[in-house]
Amino acid sequence: MANILIICSDQAQIDICCFALANHHEISAQDHLLNTEHAHLIILHAALIEVDQQLMMKFIEDTQCNVLIIGQQWPEDKQVDAVLRSASGYFDMSESAVLLQKAVERILVGDIWLQRALIPQVIKSVSRHKPQHTNEEQHQAQALLDTLSKREKDVAAMIASGKSNKRIANQLNISERTVKAHLTSIFRKLNVADRLHLAVFIKECS
């Protein structure tokens, strides 16, 4: 079980999170940023960010903990900005409790939870602000890419284009379990942490 801390002043939203997650994790809730050091994941309500955006974004940037922002119809540009500032993603509370549980599980294993349509924006912003690679770094990156099998390269390219595991499985006529196995191998070979960093790696090598 992971220790999940909900930072929110809306009891209804806290109740929804507890309903979705309490059977799988240790849950606590508060309405402030103190005493967060023991959490494995912080669920932060977007309404608190709107109250003091500078303070909350600095907290997201500085904390060593994964942060999932929750809200309702929070603007897409703010979702992208939050991920660029090290948030682990955004979950819209209009979605089901089952999907919230899935989002939390994905983040706890190092993934990012964000609308797939926004991933290209994040990749573009990350790539734009990263320093230019030297020729040696380019060669090293290409050498790592060359360690992938043809099928792993296919999967990596599809991830970089924003495709889901299910869609990749359908296109390649393999199971989702096999896609996940390929991803585990790809992450290890390329030394990347998650789908987003894999997508950035592929973009920079192209």
C-alpha atoms as a PDB file:
ATOM      1  CA  MET A   1       0.000   0.000   0.000  1.00  0.00           C
ATOM      2  CA  ALA A   2       1.137   3.523  -0.777  1.00  0.00           C
ATOM      3  CA  ASN A   3       0.622   6.528   1.486  1.00  0.00           C
ATOM      4  CA  ILE A   4      -1.576   8.958  -0.423  1.00  0.00           C
ATOM      5  CA  LEU A   5      -2.143  12.479   0.861  1.00  0.00           C
ATOM      6  CA  ILE A   6      -5.098  14.471  -0.464  1.00  0.00           C
ATOM      7  CA  ILE A   7      -4.643  18.248  -0.224  1.00  0.00           C
ATOM      8  CA  CYS A   8      -8.089  19.694  -0.752  1.00  0.00           C
ATOM      9  CA  SER A   9     -10.624  21.921   1.004  1.00  0.00           C
ATOM     10  CA  ASP A  10     -13.653  20.349  -0.699  1.00  0.00           C
ATOM     11  CA  GLN A  11     -14.971  17.473   1.404  1.00  0.00           C
ATOM     12  CA  ALA A  12     -17.025  16.076  -1.479  1.00  0.00           C
ATOM     13  CA  GLN A  13     -13.889  15.698  -3.617  1.00  0.00           C
ATOM     14  CA  ILE A  14     -12.021  14.114  -0.699  1.00  0.00           C
ATOM     15  CA  ASP A  15     -14.853  11.609  -0.243  1.00  0.00           C
ATOM     16  CA  ILE A  16     -14.733  10.654  -3.921  1.00  0.00           C
ATOM     17  CA  CYS A  17     -10.971  10.053  -3.740  1.00  0.00           C
ATOM     18  CA  CYS A  18     -11.310   8.021  -0.546  1.00  0.00           C
ATOM     19  CA  PHE A  19     -14.080   5.913  -2.080  1.00  0.00           C
ATOM     20  CA  ALA A  20     -11.884   5.148  -5.108  1.00  0.00           C
ATOM     21  CA  LEU A  21      -8.616   4.516  -3.288  1.00  0.00           C
ATOM     22  CA  ALA A  22      -9.124   3.563   0.373  1.00  0.00           C
ATOM     23  CA  ASN A  23      -9.304  -0.193  -0.279  1.00  0.00           C
ATOM     24  CA  HIS A  24      -5.891  -0.123  -1.949  1.00  0.00           C
ATOM     25  CA  HIS A  25      -3.879   2.555  -0.149  1.00  0.00           C
ATOM     26  CA  GLU A  26      -3.435   4.449   3.112  1.00  0.00           C
ATOM     27  CA  ILE A  27      -5.308   7.743   2.663  1.00  0.00           C
ATOM     28  CA  SER A  28      -5.077  10.986   4.625  1.00  0.00           C
ATOM     29  CA  ALA A  29      -6.390  14.465   3.839  1.00  0.00           C
ATOM     30  CA  GLN A  30      -5.607  18.057   4.752  1.00  0.00           C
ATOM     31  CA  ASP A  31      -6.070  21.539   3.318  1.00  0.00           C
ATOM     32  CA  HIS A  32      -2.481  22.815   3.595  1.00  0.00           C
ATOM     33  CA  LEU A  33       1.062  22.029   2.411  1.00  0.00           C
ATOM     34  CA  LEU A  34       2.575  21.110   5.789  1.00  0.00           C
ATOM     35  CA  ASN A  35       3.609  17.569   6.773  1.00  0.00           C
ATOM     36  CA  THR A  36       3.771  16.128   3.268  1.00  0.00           C
ATOM     37  CA  GLU A  37       7.116  14.356   3.527  1.00  0.00           C
ATOM     38  CA  HIS A  38       5.763  10.840   4.223  1.00  0.00           C
ATOM     39  CA  ALA A  39       3.454  10.653   1.217  1.00  0.00           C
ATOM     40  CA  HIS A  40       4.223   8.508  -1.821  1.00  0.00           C
ATOM     41  CA  LEU A  41       1.675  10.475  -3.845  1.00  0.00           C
ATOM     42  CA  ILE A  42      -0.033  13.804  -3.260  1.00  0.00           C
ATOM     43  CA  ILE A  43      -3.422  14.470  -4.816  1.00  0.00           C
ATOM     44  CA  LEU A  44      -3.729  18.242  -5.085  1.00  0.00           C
ATOM     45  CA  HIS A  45      -7.004  19.993  -5.858  1.00  0.00           C
ATOM     46  CA  ALA A  46      -6.724  22.500  -8.719  1.00  0.00           C
ATOM     47  CA  ALA A  47      -8.887  25.007  -6.815  1.00  0.00           C
ATOM     48  CA  LEU A  48      -6.027  25.500  -4.337  1.00  0.00           C
ATOM     49  CA  ILE A  49      -3.651  26.251  -7.205  1.00  0.00           C
ATOM     50  CA  GLU A  50      -6.023  28.953  -8.403  1.00  0.00           C
ATOM     51  CA  VAL A  51      -5.913  30.590  -4.942  1.00  0.00           C
ATOM     52  CA  ASP A  52      -2.106  30.908  -4.944  1.00  0.00           C
ATOM     53  CA  GLN A  53      -0.625  29.680  -8.190  1.00  0.00           C
ATOM     54  CA  GLN A  54       2.932  30.833  -7.485  1.00  0.00           C
ATOM     55  CA  LEU A  55       3.110  29.062  -4.118  1.00  0.00           C
ATOM     56  CA  MET A  56       1.514  25.852  -5.364  1.00  0.00           C
ATOM     57  CA  MET A  57       3.636  25.607  -8.506  1.00  0.00           C
ATOM     58  CA  LYS A  58       6.787  26.148  -6.457  1.00  0.00           C
ATOM     59  CA  PHE A  59       5.639  23.348  -4.159  1.00  0.00           C
ATOM     60  CA  ILE A  60       5.090  21.033  -7.159  1.00  0.00           C
ATOM     61  CA  GLU A  61       8.541  21.879  -8.520  1.00  0.00           C
ATOM     62  CA  ASP A  62      10.315  21.416  -5.179  1.00  0.00           C
ATOM     63  CA  THR A  63       8.617  18.360  -3.681  1.00  0.00           C
ATOM     64  CA  GLN A  64      10.242  14.961  -4.122  1.00  0.00           C
ATOM     65  CA  CYS A  65       6.798  13.371  -4.136  1.00  0.00           C
ATOM     66  CA  ASN A  66       4.598  12.569  -7.133  1.00  0.00           C
ATOM     67  CA  VAL A  67       1.765  15.093  -7.467  1.00  0.00           C
ATOM     68  CA  LEU A  68      -1.510  14.356  -9.245  1.00  0.00           C
ATOM     69  CA  ILE A  69      -3.721  17.403  -9.755  1.00  0.00           C
ATOM     70  CA  ILE A  70      -7.472  16.861  -9.694  1.00  0.00           C
ATOM     71  CA  GLY A  71     -10.195  19.249 -10.826  1.00  0.00           C
ATOM     72  CA  GLN A  72     -13.113  19.735 -13.160  1.00  0.00           C
ATOM     73  CA  GLN A  73     -12.549  21.130 -16.640  1.00  0.00           C
ATOM     74  CA  TRP A  74      -9.248  22.690 -15.596  1.00  0.00           C
ATOM     75  CA  PRO A  75      -7.826  24.538 -18.639  1.00  0.00           C
ATOM     76  CA  GLU A  76      -5.581  22.470 -20.881  1.00  0.00           C
ATOM     77  CA  ASP A  77      -2.795  25.049 -20.908  1.00  0.00           C
ATOM     78  CA  LYS A  78      -2.631  24.838 -17.110  1.00  0.00           C
ATOM     79  CA  GLN A  79      -2.518  21.044 -17.266  1.00  0.00           C
ATOM     80  CA  VAL A  80       0.445  21.197 -19.635  1.00  0.00           C
ATOM     81  CA  ASP A  81       2.195  23.843 -17.542  1.00  0.00           C
ATOM     82  CA  ALA A  82       1.766  21.779 -14.372  1.00  0.00           C
ATOM     83  CA  VAL A  83       3.322  18.700 -15.995  1.00  0.00           C
ATOM     84  CA  LEU A  84       6.208  20.821 -17.299  1.00  0.00           C
ATOM     85  CA  ARG A  85       6.737  21.943 -13.699  1.00  0.00           C
ATOM     86  CA  SER A  86       7.057  18.313 -12.549  1.00  0.00           C
ATOM     87  CA  ALA A  87       3.459  17.375 -11.739  1.00  0.00           C
ATOM     88  CA  SER A  88       2.726  13.726 -12.529  1.00  0.00           C
ATOM     89  CA  GLY A  89      -0.475  14.598 -14.328  1.00  0.00           C
ATOM     90  CA  TYR A  90      -4.052  15.811 -14.156  1.00  0.00           C
ATOM     91  CA  PHE A  91      -7.242  13.854 -13.493  1.00  0.00           C
ATOM     92  CA  ASP A  92     -10.674  15.283 -14.230  1.00  0.00           C
ATOM     93  CA  MET A  93     -13.112  14.427 -11.457  1.00  0.00           C
ATOM     94  CA  SER A  94     -15.934  13.977 -13.959  1.00  0.00           C
ATOM     95  CA  GLU A  95     -14.311  10.628 -14.781  1.00  0.00           C
ATOM     96  CA  SER A  96     -15.091   7.399 -12.929  1.00  0.00           C
ATOM     97  CA  ALA A  97     -13.647   6.328  -9.586  1.00  0.00           C
ATOM     98  CA  VAL A  98     -12.209   3.242 -11.303  1.00  0.00           C
ATOM     99  CA  LEU A  99     -10.261   5.463 -13.685  1.00  0.00           C
ATOM    100  CA  LEU A 100      -8.914   7.509 -10.750  1.00  0.00           C
ATOM    101  CA  GLN A 101      -7.596   4.298  -9.229  1.00  0.00           C
ATOM    102  CA  LYS A 102      -5.930   3.466 -12.546  1.00  0.00           C
ATOM    103  CA  ALA A 103      -4.379   6.952 -12.760  1.00  0.00           C
ATOM    104  CA  VAL A 104      -2.914   6.593  -9.274  1.00  0.00           C
ATOM    105  CA  GLU A 105      -1.483   3.143 -10.035  1.00  0.00           C
ATOM    106  CA  ARG A 106       0.136   4.386 -13.239  1.00  0.00           C
ATOM    107  CA  ILE A 107       1.732   7.341 -11.462  1.00  0.00           C
ATOM    108  CA  LEU A 108       3.015   5.150  -8.623  1.00  0.00           C
ATOM    109  CA  VAL A 109       5.003   3.101 -11.154  1.00  0.00           C
ATOM    110  CA  GLY A 110       6.500   6.226 -12.716  1.00  0.00           C
ATOM    111  CA  ASP A 111       4.101   7.029 -15.523  1.00  0.00           C
ATOM    112  CA  ILE A 112       2.328  10.315 -16.252  1.00  0.00           C
ATOM    113  CA  TRP A 113      -1.452  10.747 -16.432  1.00  0.00           C
ATOM    114  CA  LEU A 114      -2.556  13.298 -19.011  1.00  0.00           C
ATOM    115  CA  GLN A 115      -4.913  13.504 -21.976  1.00  0.00           C
ATOM    116  CA  ARG A 116      -3.132  11.905 -24.910  1.00  0.00           C
ATOM    117  CA  ALA A 117      -4.012  14.912 -27.060  1.00  0.00           C
ATOM    118  CA  LEU A 118      -1.854  17.090 -24.774  1.00  0.00           C
ATOM    119  CA  ILE A 119       1.227  14.857 -24.853  1.00  0.00           C
ATOM    120  CA  PRO A 120       2.584  16.384 -28.113  1.00  0.00           C
ATOM    121  CA  GLN A 121       2.403  19.852 -26.525  1.00  0.00           C
ATOM    122  CA  VAL A 122       4.410  18.654 -23.535  1.00  0.00           C
ATOM    123  CA  ILE A 123       6.978  16.920 -25.744  1.00  0.00           C
ATOM    124  CA  LYS A 124       7.364  20.005 -27.920  1.00  0.00           C
ATOM    125  CA  SER A 125       7.855  22.257 -24.892  1.00  0.00           C
ATOM    126  CA  VAL A 126      10.363  19.898 -23.249  1.00  0.00           C
ATOM    127  CA  SER A 127      12.354  19.526 -26.461  1.00  0.00           C
ATOM    128  CA  ARG A 128      12.340  23.273 -27.099  1.00  0.00           C
ATOM    129  CA  HIS A 129      13.825  24.086 -23.695  1.00  0.00           C
ATOM    130  CA  LYS A 130      16.408  21.307 -23.544  1.00  0.00           C
ATOM    131  CA  PRO A 131      19.995  22.261 -24.492  1.00  0.00           C
ATOM    132  CA  GLN A 132      21.148  21.160 -27.933  1.00  0.00           C
ATOM    133  CA  HIS A 133      22.887  17.775 -27.934  1.00  0.00           C
ATOM    134  CA  THR A 134      26.542  17.571 -28.925  1.00  0.00           C
ATOM    135  CA  ASN A 135      27.504  15.214 -31.731  1.00  0.00           C
ATOM    136  CA  GLU A 136      28.830  12.734 -29.167  1.00  0.00           C
ATOM    137  CA  GLU A 137      25.550  12.807 -27.233  1.00  0.00           C
ATOM    138  CA  GLN A 138      23.626  12.282 -30.484  1.00  0.00           C
ATOM    139  CA  HIS A 139      25.806   9.264 -31.300  1.00  0.00           C
ATOM    140  CA  GLN A 140      25.290   7.855 -27.797  1.00  0.00           C
ATOM    141  CA  ALA A 141      21.525   8.294 -28.060  1.00  0.00           C
ATOM    142  CA  GLN A 142      21.475   6.640 -31.482  1.00  0.00           C
ATOM    143  CA  ALA A 143      23.598   3.771 -30.148  1.00  0.00           C
ATOM    144  CA  LEU A 144      21.040   3.192 -27.402  1.00  0.00           C
ATOM    145  CA  LEU A 145      18.221   3.304 -29.930  1.00  0.00           C
ATOM    146  CA  ASP A 146      20.037   0.709 -32.034  1.00  0.00           C
ATOM    147  CA  THR A 147      19.892  -1.737 -29.105  1.00  0.00           C
ATOM    148  CA  LEU A 148      16.105  -1.983 -29.555  1.00  0.00           C
ATOM    149  CA  SER A 149      14.623  -4.797 -31.565  1.00  0.00           C
ATOM    150  CA  LYS A 150      12.536  -3.906 -34.606  1.00  0.00           C
ATOM    151  CA  ARG A 151       9.311  -4.564 -32.693  1.00  0.00           C
ATOM    152  CA  GLU A 152      10.537  -2.417 -29.771  1.00  0.00           C
ATOM    153  CA  LYS A 153      11.321   0.386 -32.213  1.00  0.00           C
ATOM    154  CA  ASP A 154       7.794   0.095 -33.613  1.00  0.00           C
ATOM    155  CA  VAL A 155       6.309   0.329 -30.122  1.00  0.00           C
ATOM    156  CA  ALA A 156       8.552   3.268 -29.191  1.00  0.00           C
ATOM    157  CA  ALA A 157       7.587   5.175 -32.338  1.00  0.00           C
ATOM    158  CA  MET A 158       3.893   4.632 -31.610  1.00  0.00           C
ATOM    159  CA  ILE A 159       4.332   5.820 -28.028  1.00  0.00           C
ATOM    160  CA  ALA A 160       6.056   8.952 -29.369  1.00  0.00           C
ATOM    161  CA  SER A 161       3.019   9.620 -31.552  1.00  0.00           C
ATOM    162  CA  GLY A 162       0.719   9.415 -28.516  1.00  0.00           C
ATOM    163  CA  LYS A 163      -0.886   6.021 -29.110  1.00  0.00           C
ATOM    164  CA  SER A 164      -2.306   4.012 -26.202  1.00  0.00           C
ATOM    165  CA  ASN A 165      -1.173   0.485 -25.321  1.00  0.00           C
ATOM    166  CA  LYS A 166      -4.508  -0.843 -26.575  1.00  0.00           C
ATOM    167  CA  ARG A 167      -4.164   0.881 -29.941  1.00  0.00           C
ATOM    168  CA  ILE A 168      -0.569  -0.298 -30.302  1.00  0.00           C
ATOM    169  CA  ALA A 169      -1.651  -3.848 -29.518  1.00  0.00           C
ATOM    170  CA  ASN A 170      -4.392  -3.696 -32.131  1.00  0.00           C
ATOM    171  CA  GLN A 171      -2.133  -2.252 -34.820  1.00  0.00           C
ATOM    172  CA  LEU A 172       0.673  -4.730 -34.200  1.00  0.00           C
ATOM    173  CA  ASN A 173      -1.699  -7.664 -33.596  1.00  0.00           C
ATOM    174  CA  ILE A 174      -0.200  -8.434 -30.186  1.00  0.00           C
ATOM    175  CA  SER A 175      -1.621  -8.434 -26.653  1.00  0.00           C
ATOM    176  CA  GLU A 176      -1.520  -5.424 -24.329  1.00  0.00           C
ATOM    177  CA  ARG A 177       0.560  -7.558 -21.957  1.00  0.00           C
ATOM    178  CA  THR A 178       3.151  -7.921 -24.717  1.00  0.00           C
ATOM    179  CA  VAL A 179       3.107  -4.154 -25.312  1.00  0.00           C
ATOM    180  CA  LYS A 180       3.786  -3.599 -21.609  1.00  0.00           C
ATOM    181  CA  ALA A 181       6.640  -6.115 -21.727  1.00  0.00           C
ATOM    182  CA  HIS A 182       8.157  -4.290 -24.700  1.00  0.00           C
ATOM    183  CA  LEU A 183       7.844  -0.972 -22.857  1.00  0.00           C
ATOM    184  CA  THR A 184       9.605  -2.346 -19.793  1.00  0.00           C
ATOM    185  CA  SER A 185      12.473  -3.487 -22.004  1.00  0.00           C
ATOM    186  CA  ILE A 186      12.556  -0.187 -23.912  1.00  0.00           C
ATOM    187  CA  PHE A 187      12.651   1.892 -20.705  1.00  0.00           C
ATOM    188  CA  ARG A 188      15.549  -0.227 -19.418  1.00  0.00           C
ATOM    189  CA  LYS A 189      17.565  -0.135 -22.644  1.00  0.00           C
ATOM    190  CA  LEU A 190      17.132   3.611 -23.203  1.00  0.00           C
ATOM    191  CA  ASN A 191      17.348   4.494 -19.491  1.00  0.00           C
ATOM    192  CA  VAL A 192      14.133   6.527 -19.542  1.00  0.00           C
ATOM    193  CA  ALA A 193      11.599   6.665 -16.717  1.00  0.00           C
ATOM    194  CA  ASP A 194       8.242   6.783 -18.474  1.00  0.00           C
ATOM    195  CA  ARG A 195       6.280   7.233 -21.700  1.00  0.00           C
ATOM    196  CA  LEU A 196       6.787  10.987 -21.801  1.00  0.00           C
ATOM    197  CA  HIS A 197      10.567  10.774 -21.535  1.00  0.00           C
ATOM    198  CA  LEU A 198      10.547   7.980 -24.096  1.00  0.00           C
ATOM    199  CA  ALA A 199       8.591  10.193 -26.489  1.00  0.00           C
ATOM    200  CA  VAL A 200      11.058  13.064 -25.968  1.00  0.00           C
ATOM    201  CA  PHE A 201      13.992  10.681 -26.540  1.00  0.00           C
ATOM    202  CA  ILE A 202      12.501   9.417 -29.807  1.00  0.00           C
ATOM    203  CA  LYS A 203      11.711  12.946 -31.000  1.00  0.00           C
ATOM    204  CA  GLU A 204      15.272  14.114 -30.332  1.00  0.00           C
ATOM    205  CA  CYS A 205      16.721  11.167 -32.213  1.00  0.00           C
ATOM    206  CA  SER A 206      14.527  11.651 -35.275  1.00  0.00           C
END
